[in-house]
């Protein structure tokens, strides 16, 4: 028997953005946090490099904004970039006051005198970091803070199935989001989590690709749920591939941070020769899309299984102090970066597109917000600047909470009755192979046809094959009772559909999207966002407005 849980604010996701929102909103009402794993599991936990923020006297907001817009290849929204870089330092100070321990300068006098790193695309040292485990330290602080707040209830091992949209059930009042249906993974019961405000902060969708730096939970749940609810989704063709993931059969999704190149790491072919100077004058410090495409080209043209990231020329003591996590993980696989180059390959890393929001994280659907990697705020444009993601999550988590609290008095109250989950005639599935087969097919076709380099032929083939899979998933979803695997597969397929549609729509190459059939950037016709919405008649992506 399902139950109803009522909150003032519902947060779906438990990373930097979601927990920042929860802490701010909890001062004004009861908050429910839905997370499908155990905290602090999620992409935020694995962020190595750090958080970008103007911190030193020789840096400036204008410089950070220029670097961000330079990486974004003409699609950043200048007003969003400006507010994020200006609000960032205060948000970081609040995090330090909360107990976050960033790495300090040798002569530091307090917790704010931090050591600043340099990463590709940045013209100044502005990366605050906690050695090479920054996300872990930030999440430690936020999780501990959340645990001490009585007005926050965390629902671990719960996964949101779908948003509750009033118009779908002919509920009284304006069209709005009234919460979500939530699957308890322990009891298999689907409850109603009711709230006048819902924040989607479920992270990105890296698991749609065969090779990714993302954890298993990154299945694009928030993006898919918003899309099914009729919310516009923007710029899904811009998937950032991190240039350097550890290449080893047992090293699942382990990232070699951008900071390693920032501190002197060099990319080499198997014969030891460098190649990045042949592709870009910034060499290893070029933006990620440039570096990833260069590695992809080297591997495909020359038949390499991988390339190598070399830090053997760097000071060994510095490496031990600066990158203890990376060195320890590499050594666990028999690779000692102090003495030998690290084998690396590109992998899907960050979703620059997502749920379309305004400057406060609000979506066009009343009562629904999005923040973090799930959202498309306009900060990243066609390519995210390194270490801007934690900054965006922190800033928009706070902005969304502030906006939701300010609008509370004008927001219509929830209906007294919300429809319980209706399973219809669905039954328990006894064929898990149906899910695993479709899961594997999606990830392989996306990697082979919609990866770092695309073409019209590859995109058409991806569309043809995904159409068959979407039909299978639709039949299975309504025939069988939802499980975590089935919910994630459905979401993954929706995200793949959006990426293919977005990539097919854009008739140019820009930022993270490169199409062999239209390799030039078209500033006249395509310097604009790709915005798609679900067509109710066909249930497929169609241009918005």
Protein backbone atom coordinates (compact mmCIF):
# COMPACT_ATOMS: atom_id res chain seq x y z
CA UNK A 1 0.00 0.00 0.00
CA UNK A 2 1.50 3.32 -1.04
CA UNK A 3 1.75 6.29 1.29
CA UNK A 4 1.96 10.07 0.96
CA UNK A 5 4.82 12.11 2.41
CA UNK A 6 4.37 15.89 2.55
CA UNK A 7 7.20 18.41 2.41
CA UNK A 8 7.52 22.13 1.83
CA UNK A 9 10.51 21.50 -0.42
CA UNK A 10 11.39 18.26 -2.23
CA UNK A 11 14.97 17.75 -3.45
CA UNK A 12 15.65 14.92 -5.88
CA UNK A 13 19.39 14.31 -5.81
CA UNK A 14 22.03 14.68 -3.11
CA UNK A 15 25.09 16.31 -4.65
CA UNK A 16 26.51 19.79 -4.15
CA UNK A 17 23.52 21.56 -5.73
CA UNK A 18 20.82 19.52 -3.98
CA UNK A 19 22.34 19.70 -0.51
CA UNK A 20 23.11 23.42 -0.85
CA UNK A 21 19.45 23.99 -1.68
CA UNK A 22 18.29 21.76 1.19
CA UNK A 23 20.38 23.60 3.78
CA UNK A 24 19.13 27.01 2.64
CA UNK A 25 15.48 25.94 2.33
CA UNK A 26 15.43 24.10 5.68
CA UNK A 27 15.43 27.42 7.51
CA UNK A 28 11.96 28.05 6.07
CA UNK A 29 10.22 24.67 6.03
CA UNK A 30 10.41 20.90 5.94
CA UNK A 31 12.72 19.45 3.28
CA UNK A 32 12.76 15.95 1.82
CA UNK A 33 15.92 14.76 0.04
CA UNK A 34 15.49 11.76 -2.27
CA UNK A 35 18.68 9.90 -3.18
CA UNK A 36 18.87 6.52 -4.87
CA UNK A 37 22.14 5.50 -3.25
CA UNK A 38 23.64 6.13 0.18
CA UNK A 39 25.02 9.59 0.73
CA UNK A 40 27.49 10.88 -0.31
CA UNK A 41 27.51 8.70 -3.46
CA UNK A 42 27.19 10.75 -6.66
CA UNK A 43 29.28 12.69 -9.17
CA UNK A 44 30.04 15.52 -6.71
CA UNK A 45 31.79 13.03 -4.45
CA UNK A 46 34.29 12.15 -7.20
CA UNK A 47 35.23 15.68 -8.31
CA UNK A 48 39.01 15.79 -8.01
CA UNK A 49 40.30 19.07 -9.40
CA UNK A 50 38.48 21.69 -7.37
CA UNK A 51 36.13 24.65 -7.51
CA UNK A 52 36.95 27.74 -9.58
CA UNK A 53 36.55 31.10 -7.87
CA UNK A 54 38.17 34.52 -8.03
CA UNK A 55 40.29 34.49 -4.88
CA UNK A 56 43.67 36.14 -5.38
CA UNK A 57 44.49 39.86 -5.84
CA UNK A 58 45.87 39.25 -9.34
CA UNK A 59 42.61 37.68 -10.53
CA UNK A 60 39.34 39.40 -11.47
CA UNK A 61 35.71 38.67 -12.22
CA UNK A 62 36.30 39.89 -15.76
CA UNK A 63 39.14 37.42 -16.26
CA UNK A 64 37.13 34.46 -14.91
CA UNK A 65 34.17 35.48 -17.09
CA UNK A 66 36.38 35.80 -20.17
CA UNK A 67 37.87 32.35 -19.62
CA UNK A 68 34.40 30.85 -19.12
CA UNK A 69 33.02 32.47 -22.27
CA UNK A 70 36.12 31.52 -24.23
CA UNK A 71 35.62 27.87 -23.41
CA UNK A 72 31.87 28.14 -24.07
CA UNK A 73 32.44 28.86 -27.78
CA UNK A 74 29.90 31.66 -28.12
CA UNK A 75 26.93 30.07 -26.35
CA UNK A 76 27.43 31.22 -22.76
CA UNK A 77 24.87 33.69 -21.48
CA UNK A 78 26.99 36.67 -20.35
CA UNK A 79 24.56 37.73 -17.62
CA UNK A 80 24.62 34.22 -16.12
CA UNK A 81 28.40 34.01 -16.31
CA UNK A 82 28.69 37.37 -14.56
CA UNK A 83 26.38 36.49 -11.67
CA UNK A 84 28.03 33.10 -11.11
CA UNK A 85 31.60 34.40 -11.00
CA UNK A 86 30.57 37.33 -8.78
CA UNK A 87 28.52 35.26 -6.32
CA UNK A 88 31.00 32.39 -6.27
CA UNK A 89 33.51 33.72 -3.72
CA UNK A 90 30.82 34.38 -1.10
CA UNK A 91 29.37 30.87 -1.55
CA UNK A 92 32.85 29.39 -1.14
CA UNK A 93 33.46 31.45 2.01
CA UNK A 94 30.21 30.08 3.45
CA UNK A 95 31.40 26.56 2.67
CA UNK A 96 34.71 27.18 4.46
CA UNK A 97 32.81 28.62 7.44
CA UNK A 98 30.74 25.44 7.46
CA UNK A 99 33.94 23.42 7.89
CA UNK A 100 35.34 22.63 4.43
CA UNK A 101 39.10 22.22 4.58
CA UNK A 102 40.68 23.32 1.32
CA UNK A 103 44.43 22.88 0.82
CA UNK A 104 46.29 25.85 2.28
CA UNK A 105 49.40 27.79 1.32
CA UNK A 106 52.55 26.88 3.27
CA UNK A 107 52.44 30.24 5.06
CA UNK A 108 48.66 30.26 5.57
CA UNK A 109 47.33 32.20 8.56
CA UNK A 110 43.73 30.95 8.43
CA UNK A 111 41.36 28.60 6.56
CA UNK A 112 40.78 31.19 3.84
CA UNK A 113 44.46 31.43 2.80
CA UNK A 114 44.11 28.61 0.29
CA UNK A 115 46.48 27.12 -2.24
CA UNK A 116 45.25 27.89 -5.77
CA UNK A 117 45.68 25.47 -8.65
CA UNK A 118 45.73 26.04 -12.42
CA UNK A 119 43.70 24.07 -14.95
CA UNK A 120 43.25 24.06 -18.71
CA UNK A 121 41.41 27.09 -20.08
CA UNK A 122 42.09 29.26 -17.02
CA UNK A 123 44.38 32.28 -17.38
CA UNK A 124 44.93 32.56 -13.62
CA UNK A 125 45.38 30.26 -10.66
CA UNK A 126 41.88 30.19 -9.17
CA UNK A 127 41.15 26.53 -8.39
CA UNK A 128 40.50 25.94 -4.68
CA UNK A 129 41.11 22.28 -3.95
CA UNK A 130 41.43 19.75 -1.16
CA UNK A 131 44.47 17.97 -2.55
CA UNK A 132 42.96 15.85 -5.36
CA UNK A 133 39.72 14.94 -3.57
CA UNK A 134 37.87 18.27 -3.50
CA UNK A 135 34.39 16.89 -4.11
CA UNK A 136 34.81 14.39 -1.31
CA UNK A 137 35.74 17.13 1.15
CA UNK A 138 32.92 19.43 0.10
CA UNK A 139 30.41 16.57 0.34
CA UNK A 140 31.72 15.62 3.78
CA UNK A 141 30.96 19.12 4.99
CA UNK A 142 27.48 19.25 3.48
CA UNK A 143 26.45 15.75 4.57
CA UNK A 144 27.51 16.49 8.15
CA UNK A 145 25.61 19.77 8.07
CA UNK A 146 22.48 18.08 6.68
CA UNK A 147 22.57 15.45 9.43
CA UNK A 148 22.36 18.16 12.09
CA UNK A 149 19.20 19.82 10.71
CA UNK A 150 15.95 18.41 12.10
CA UNK A 151 13.78 19.83 9.34
CA UNK A 152 15.56 17.77 6.67
CA UNK A 153 14.53 14.16 6.05
CA UNK A 154 16.83 12.13 3.78
CA UNK A 155 15.26 9.23 1.91
CA UNK A 156 18.22 7.05 0.98
CA UNK A 157 17.78 4.11 -1.40
CA UNK A 158 14.79 5.82 -3.01
CA UNK A 159 14.53 6.68 -6.71
CA UNK A 160 12.12 9.17 -8.26
CA UNK A 161 10.03 7.55 -10.99
CA UNK A 162 8.17 10.55 -12.42
CA UNK A 163 7.07 14.05 -11.53
CA UNK A 164 3.47 14.67 -10.51
CA UNK A 165 2.17 17.33 -12.91
CA UNK A 166 -1.27 18.73 -12.10
CA UNK A 167 -2.57 18.88 -15.67
CA UNK A 168 -1.93 15.18 -16.24
CA UNK A 169 -4.46 14.36 -13.52
CA UNK A 170 -6.84 17.30 -14.11
CA UNK A 171 -6.01 18.71 -10.67
CA UNK A 172 -7.47 22.14 -9.82
CA UNK A 173 -5.42 25.32 -10.17
CA UNK A 174 -2.66 26.33 -12.60
CA UNK A 175 -0.42 23.72 -14.24
CA UNK A 176 2.35 23.00 -11.77
CA UNK A 177 4.62 20.35 -10.30
CA UNK A 178 3.19 18.82 -7.12
CA UNK A 179 6.09 16.53 -6.21
CA UNK A 180 7.09 13.10 -7.47
CA UNK A 181 6.35 9.40 -7.34
CA UNK A 182 9.20 7.77 -5.43
CA UNK A 183 10.20 4.10 -5.45
CA UNK A 184 11.49 2.69 -2.14
CA UNK A 185 14.24 0.29 -3.25
CA UNK A 186 14.00 -1.75 -0.07
CA UNK A 187 10.23 -2.38 -0.07
CA UNK A 188 9.55 -1.86 -3.82
CA UNK A 189 6.66 0.44 -2.82
CA UNK A 190 5.97 3.61 -4.81
CA UNK A 191 4.92 6.52 -2.60
CA UNK A 192 3.76 10.06 -3.29
CA UNK A 193 6.33 12.66 -2.22
CA UNK A 194 4.21 15.82 -2.26
CA UNK A 195 5.64 19.35 -2.25
CA UNK A 196 4.75 22.73 -3.76
CA UNK A 197 8.44 23.12 -4.68
CA UNK A 198 10.57 20.40 -6.28
CA UNK A 199 14.25 20.73 -7.16
CA UNK A 200 15.81 18.36 -9.69
CA UNK A 201 19.50 17.97 -8.87
CA UNK A 202 20.18 14.43 -10.06
CA UNK A 203 23.44 15.14 -11.86
CA UNK A 204 24.39 14.27 -15.40
CA UNK A 205 24.01 11.34 -17.77
CA UNK A 206 27.48 9.93 -18.36
CA UNK A 207 26.26 6.34 -18.11
CA UNK A 208 24.57 6.77 -21.50
CA UNK A 209 28.07 6.14 -22.91
CA UNK A 210 30.11 2.96 -22.80
CA UNK A 211 33.14 4.71 -21.30
CA UNK A 212 32.56 7.36 -18.65
CA UNK A 213 34.17 8.91 -15.62
CA UNK A 214 30.76 9.08 -13.93
CA UNK A 215 29.51 6.79 -11.14
CA UNK A 216 26.73 4.28 -11.83
CA UNK A 217 24.03 6.65 -10.54
CA UNK A 218 24.57 9.16 -13.41
CA UNK A 219 21.67 8.03 -15.61
CA UNK A 220 20.10 11.40 -16.42
CA UNK A 221 17.05 10.84 -14.22
CA UNK A 222 16.17 14.49 -13.62
CA UNK A 223 16.58 15.46 -17.27
CA UNK A 224 14.38 12.55 -18.39
CA UNK A 225 11.66 13.26 -15.81
CA UNK A 226 11.53 16.95 -16.71
CA UNK A 227 11.39 16.08 -20.41
CA UNK A 228 8.45 13.72 -19.88
CA UNK A 229 6.71 16.48 -17.90
CA UNK A 230 6.92 18.80 -20.92
CA UNK A 231 9.79 21.00 -19.67
CA UNK A 232 12.19 22.27 -22.39
CA UNK A 233 15.62 20.59 -22.55
CA UNK A 234 18.55 22.50 -24.04
CA UNK A 235 21.96 21.86 -25.61
CA UNK A 236 22.15 18.10 -25.11
CA UNK A 237 24.55 17.76 -28.05
CA UNK A 238 27.27 19.25 -25.85
CA UNK A 239 28.63 16.27 -23.92
CA UNK A 240 32.07 16.88 -22.46
CA UNK A 241 34.51 14.03 -22.77
CA UNK A 242 37.27 14.21 -20.21
CA UNK A 243 40.56 13.63 -22.01
CA UNK A 244 42.22 11.53 -19.35
CA UNK A 245 40.61 8.55 -17.66
CA UNK A 246 42.89 5.80 -16.42
CA UNK A 247 43.13 3.03 -19.03
CA UNK A 248 43.19 -0.29 -17.21
CA UNK A 249 40.76 -3.25 -17.34
CA UNK A 250 40.07 -3.03 -13.60
CA UNK A 251 40.08 0.78 -13.24
CA UNK A 252 36.37 1.47 -13.54
CA UNK A 253 35.61 5.15 -14.22
CA UNK A 254 38.74 6.52 -12.55
CA UNK A 255 39.55 10.06 -13.59
CA UNK A 256 43.02 11.58 -13.86
CA UNK A 257 42.29 15.18 -12.94
CA UNK A 258 42.68 18.14 -15.28
CA UNK A 259 44.97 19.56 -12.61
CA UNK A 260 47.66 17.00 -13.42
CA UNK A 261 48.13 18.71 -16.79
CA UNK A 262 47.82 22.09 -15.11
CA UNK A 263 50.77 21.20 -12.89
CA UNK A 264 52.99 20.10 -15.78
CA UNK A 265 51.71 16.74 -17.06
CA UNK A 266 52.45 16.08 -20.76
CA UNK A 267 50.52 13.90 -23.20
CA UNK A 268 52.62 11.48 -25.21
CA UNK A 269 52.22 8.82 -27.90
CA UNK A 270 53.39 5.28 -27.07
CA UNK A 271 56.76 6.13 -28.63
CA UNK A 272 57.20 8.97 -26.15
CA UNK A 273 56.65 11.87 -28.56
CA UNK A 274 54.34 14.75 -27.63
CA UNK A 275 51.39 15.59 -29.88
CA UNK A 276 49.34 18.37 -28.30
CA UNK A 277 51.55 21.22 -29.67
CA UNK A 278 50.54 19.99 -33.15
CA UNK A 279 46.87 20.60 -32.36
CA UNK A 280 46.80 23.80 -30.30
CA UNK A 281 49.30 26.46 -29.24
CA UNK A 282 48.15 25.99 -25.62
CA UNK A 283 49.18 22.34 -25.86
CA UNK A 284 48.13 20.38 -22.74
CA UNK A 285 46.44 23.46 -21.29
CA UNK A 286 43.95 23.78 -24.15
CA UNK A 287 40.25 23.38 -23.24
CA UNK A 288 39.00 19.86 -22.74
CA UNK A 289 37.18 19.54 -26.06
CA UNK A 290 40.38 20.33 -27.96
CA UNK A 291 42.44 17.88 -25.93
CA UNK A 292 39.82 15.11 -26.11
CA UNK A 293 39.48 15.41 -29.90
CA UNK A 294 43.26 15.40 -30.29
CA UNK A 295 43.57 12.18 -28.29
CA UNK A 296 40.65 10.64 -30.19
CA UNK A 297 42.29 11.55 -33.51
CA UNK A 298 45.65 10.10 -32.43
CA UNK A 299 44.06 6.84 -31.30
CA UNK A 300 41.89 6.38 -34.41
CA UNK A 301 44.43 7.51 -36.99
CA UNK A 302 47.35 5.54 -35.55
CA UNK A 303 45.52 2.57 -34.05
CA UNK A 304 46.51 3.27 -30.44
CA UNK A 305 44.51 1.70 -27.63
CA UNK A 306 45.46 4.67 -25.45
CA UNK A 307 47.92 7.52 -25.05
CA UNK A 308 50.02 8.41 -22.00
CA UNK A 309 50.03 11.23 -19.47
CA UNK A 310 53.59 11.78 -18.30
CA UNK A 311 54.56 13.45 -15.00
CA UNK A 312 57.85 11.62 -14.49
CA UNK A 313 59.73 14.89 -15.09
CA UNK A 314 57.88 16.57 -12.20
CA UNK A 315 59.18 16.74 -8.64
CA UNK A 316 58.35 13.44 -6.92
CA UNK A 317 57.77 15.00 -3.51
CA UNK A 318 55.36 17.53 -5.02
CA UNK A 319 53.42 14.77 -6.78
CA UNK A 320 53.12 12.77 -3.56
CA UNK A 321 51.77 15.79 -1.69
CA UNK A 322 49.52 17.18 -4.44
CA UNK A 323 47.98 14.01 -5.88
CA UNK A 324 47.88 11.35 -3.17
CA UNK A 325 44.54 9.88 -4.30
CA UNK A 326 45.57 9.60 -7.96
CA UNK A 327 48.97 8.12 -7.14
CA UNK A 328 47.49 5.60 -4.72
CA UNK A 329 44.84 4.46 -7.20
CA UNK A 330 47.33 4.12 -10.06
CA UNK A 331 49.72 2.16 -7.84
CA UNK A 332 46.91 -0.19 -6.86
CA UNK A 333 46.91 -1.25 -10.51
CA UNK A 334 50.69 -1.56 -10.72
CA UNK A 335 51.33 1.85 -12.31
CA UNK A 336 53.65 4.28 -10.53
CA UNK A 337 53.18 7.76 -12.06
CA UNK A 338 56.39 9.01 -10.43
CA UNK A 339 58.39 6.53 -12.53
CA UNK A 340 56.24 5.75 -15.59
CA UNK A 341 53.61 7.49 -17.75
CA UNK A 342 49.93 6.87 -16.99
CA UNK A 343 47.89 5.15 -19.75
CA UNK A 344 44.78 7.28 -20.43
CA UNK A 345 41.76 7.46 -22.76
CA UNK A 346 38.92 9.98 -23.13
CA UNK A 347 35.59 9.20 -21.46
CA UNK A 348 32.17 10.86 -21.20
CA UNK A 349 32.44 13.22 -18.28
CA UNK A 350 29.97 16.11 -18.10
CA UNK A 351 26.56 16.99 -19.54
CA UNK A 352 26.69 20.68 -20.48
CA UNK A 353 23.04 20.73 -21.55
CA UNK A 354 20.01 19.88 -19.47
CA UNK A 355 16.78 21.27 -18.07
CA UNK A 356 16.25 24.84 -19.24
CA UNK A 357 16.20 27.28 -16.30
CA UNK A 358 16.28 30.99 -15.65
CA UNK A 359 18.75 32.92 -13.49
CA UNK A 360 17.15 31.53 -10.32
CA UNK A 361 17.09 27.90 -11.38
CA UNK A 362 13.33 28.01 -12.11
CA UNK A 363 11.92 26.05 -15.04
CA UNK A 364 8.86 27.07 -17.11
CA UNK A 365 6.80 24.57 -15.06
CA UNK A 366 5.53 26.29 -11.90
CA UNK A 367 7.01 24.82 -8.74
CA UNK A 368 9.85 23.01 -10.52
CA UNK A 369 13.51 24.04 -10.23
CA UNK A 370 16.72 22.47 -11.47
CA UNK A 371 20.34 22.99 -10.44
CA UNK A 372 23.74 21.45 -10.97
CA UNK A 373 24.57 19.19 -13.89
CA UNK A 374 20.87 18.46 -14.50
CA UNK A 375 20.28 22.09 -15.47
CA UNK A 376 21.14 24.23 -18.48
CA UNK A 377 21.60 27.65 -16.92
CA UNK A 378 23.65 29.20 -19.70
CA UNK A 379 26.92 29.19 -17.75
CA UNK A 380 28.77 26.54 -19.75
CA UNK A 381 27.65 27.24 -23.31
CA UNK A 382 29.08 24.73 -25.77
CA UNK A 383 31.87 23.59 -23.44
CA UNK A 384 32.34 23.76 -19.67
CA UNK A 385 35.44 25.44 -18.31
CA UNK A 386 37.27 23.16 -15.88
CA UNK A 387 36.11 23.35 -12.23
CA UNK A 388 33.13 25.60 -12.99
CA UNK A 389 30.69 22.76 -12.27
CA UNK A 390 31.00 22.69 -8.47
CA UNK A 391 30.79 26.49 -8.55
CA UNK A 392 27.57 26.39 -10.59
CA UNK A 393 25.99 23.81 -8.29
CA UNK A 394 26.82 25.85 -5.22
CA UNK A 395 25.59 29.16 -6.64
CA UNK A 396 22.36 27.86 -8.17
CA UNK A 397 21.53 25.66 -5.19
CA UNK A 398 21.41 28.86 -3.13
CA UNK A 399 19.69 30.96 -5.80
CA UNK A 400 16.95 28.38 -6.34
CA UNK A 401 16.30 28.12 -2.60
CA UNK A 402 16.17 31.90 -2.20
CA UNK A 403 13.72 32.21 -5.09
CA UNK A 404 11.51 29.35 -3.89
CA UNK A 405 11.33 30.81 -0.37
CA UNK A 406 10.58 34.32 -1.66
CA UNK A 407 7.68 33.03 -3.79
CA UNK A 408 6.19 30.79 -1.10
CA UNK A 409 3.34 33.17 -0.18
CA UNK A 410 2.16 33.49 -3.80
CA UNK A 411 2.42 29.80 -4.66
CA UNK A 412 -0.88 27.86 -4.76
CA UNK A 413 -1.26 25.21 -2.06
CA UNK A 414 -1.19 21.54 -2.96
CA UNK A 415 -4.44 19.71 -3.65
CA UNK A 416 -5.75 17.88 -0.62
CA UNK A 417 -5.68 14.66 -2.62
CA UNK A 418 -2.99 13.54 -5.05
CA UNK A 419 -3.43 10.37 -7.10
CA UNK A 420 -1.60 7.33 -5.77
CA UNK A 421 0.68 5.39 -8.11
CA UNK A 422 -1.41 3.21 -10.41
CA UNK A 423 0.41 0.02 -11.44
CA UNK A 424 -2.39 -1.00 -13.77
CA UNK A 425 -1.99 -4.66 -14.80
CA UNK A 426 1.81 -4.63 -14.55
CA UNK A 427 3.51 -7.71 -13.17
CA UNK A 428 6.92 -8.58 -11.76
CA UNK A 429 9.46 -9.19 -14.51
CA UNK A 430 11.39 -12.46 -14.54
CA UNK A 431 13.58 -11.50 -17.51
CA UNK A 432 16.32 -9.14 -16.34
CA UNK A 433 18.22 -9.92 -19.55
CA UNK A 434 15.79 -7.65 -21.42
CA UNK A 435 17.06 -4.70 -19.40
CA UNK A 436 20.76 -5.54 -19.59
CA UNK A 437 20.61 -6.13 -23.35
CA UNK A 438 18.99 -2.77 -24.07
CA UNK A 439 21.27 -1.01 -21.56
CA UNK A 440 24.38 -2.37 -23.29
CA UNK A 441 23.06 -1.58 -26.78
CA UNK A 442 22.31 2.06 -25.89
CA UNK A 443 25.72 2.65 -24.37
CA UNK A 444 27.58 1.07 -27.29
CA UNK A 445 25.63 2.83 -30.04
CA UNK A 446 26.07 6.17 -28.26
CA UNK A 447 29.82 5.61 -27.93
CA UNK A 448 30.28 4.45 -31.53
CA UNK A 449 27.93 6.87 -33.30
CA UNK A 450 27.35 9.90 -31.05
CA UNK A 451 30.74 10.23 -29.36
CA UNK A 452 33.58 12.74 -29.58
CA UNK A 453 33.39 12.96 -33.40
CA UNK A 454 30.05 12.55 -35.20
CA UNK A 455 28.75 12.41 -38.77
CA UNK A 456 25.34 12.49 -40.42
CA UNK A 457 25.60 8.80 -41.25
CA UNK A 458 26.52 7.84 -37.69
CA UNK A 459 23.71 9.93 -36.24
CA UNK A 460 21.18 8.42 -38.65
CA UNK A 461 22.29 4.92 -37.70
CA UNK A 462 22.06 5.78 -34.01
CA UNK A 463 18.52 7.09 -34.52
CA UNK A 464 17.46 3.97 -36.42
CA UNK A 465 18.74 1.60 -33.74
CA UNK A 466 17.47 3.64 -30.81
CA UNK A 467 13.97 3.71 -32.29
CA UNK A 468 13.75 -0.07 -31.90
CA UNK A 469 15.09 0.04 -28.35
CA UNK A 470 12.65 2.79 -27.34
CA UNK A 471 9.76 0.61 -28.50
CA UNK A 472 11.04 -2.31 -26.42
CA UNK A 473 11.45 -0.15 -23.32
CA UNK A 474 7.99 1.38 -23.67
CA UNK A 475 6.38 -2.07 -23.78
CA UNK A 476 8.44 -3.36 -20.85
CA UNK A 477 7.82 -0.30 -18.70
CA UNK A 478 4.04 -0.66 -18.84
CA UNK A 479 4.08 -4.47 -18.68
CA UNK A 480 6.31 -4.84 -15.62
CA UNK A 481 6.38 -3.28 -12.17
CA UNK A 482 9.08 -0.60 -11.93
CA UNK A 483 12.47 -1.52 -10.54
CA UNK A 484 15.53 0.70 -10.21
CA UNK A 485 17.06 -0.89 -13.31
CA UNK A 486 13.93 -0.39 -15.40
CA UNK A 487 13.50 3.23 -14.26
CA UNK A 488 17.14 4.01 -15.04
CA UNK A 489 16.96 2.28 -18.44
CA UNK A 490 13.88 4.31 -19.36
CA UNK A 491 15.63 7.52 -18.35
CA UNK A 492 18.85 6.58 -20.12
CA UNK A 493 16.96 5.94 -23.36
CA UNK A 494 15.18 9.32 -23.11
CA UNK A 495 18.52 11.07 -22.65
CA UNK A 496 20.02 9.21 -25.62
CA UNK A 497 17.01 10.28 -27.70
CA UNK A 498 17.59 13.92 -26.72
CA UNK A 499 21.33 13.81 -27.44
CA UNK A 500 20.81 12.28 -30.90
CA UNK A 501 18.03 14.73 -31.75
CA UNK A 502 20.08 17.71 -30.58
CA UNK A 503 23.23 16.60 -32.42
CA UNK A 504 21.25 15.97 -35.61
CA UNK A 505 19.57 19.37 -35.38
CA UNK A 506 22.78 21.43 -35.12
CA UNK A 507 24.24 21.87 -38.62
CA UNK A 508 27.69 23.09 -37.61
CA UNK A 509 30.57 22.15 -35.33
CA UNK A 510 30.95 24.13 -32.11
CA UNK A 511 32.53 23.44 -28.75
CA UNK A 512 31.93 19.85 -27.73
CA UNK A 513 29.85 19.01 -30.82
CA UNK A 514 31.94 18.08 -33.88
CA UNK A 515 30.31 16.77 -37.06
CA UNK A 516 32.51 15.66 -39.94
CA UNK A 517 29.81 16.64 -42.44
CA UNK A 518 29.62 20.25 -41.21
CA UNK A 519 33.01 20.89 -39.57
CA UNK A 520 32.85 24.70 -39.60
CA UNK A 521 31.34 26.98 -36.96
CA UNK A 522 28.42 28.99 -38.36
CA UNK A 523 28.12 32.23 -36.39
CA UNK A 524 25.30 33.53 -38.59
CA UNK A 525 22.73 30.74 -38.22
CA UNK A 526 23.79 28.59 -35.28
CA UNK A 527 25.01 30.88 -32.53
CA UNK A 528 21.97 29.86 -30.49
CA UNK A 529 20.86 27.18 -28.10
CA UNK A 530 19.27 23.94 -29.23
CA UNK A 531 16.02 23.75 -27.24
CA UNK A 532 13.77 20.68 -27.52
CA UNK A 533 10.51 19.68 -25.91
CA UNK A 534 8.57 16.42 -25.93
CA UNK A 535 5.87 16.28 -28.60
CA UNK A 536 2.78 14.83 -26.85
CA UNK A 537 1.54 13.30 -30.10
CA UNK A 538 4.71 11.40 -31.01
CA UNK A 539 6.47 11.28 -27.61
CA UNK A 540 9.66 12.39 -29.39
CA UNK A 541 11.86 15.51 -29.16
CA UNK A 542 10.76 18.49 -31.25
CA UNK A 543 12.10 22.09 -31.42
CA UNK A 544 10.73 24.37 -28.70
CA UNK A 545 8.69 27.37 -29.84
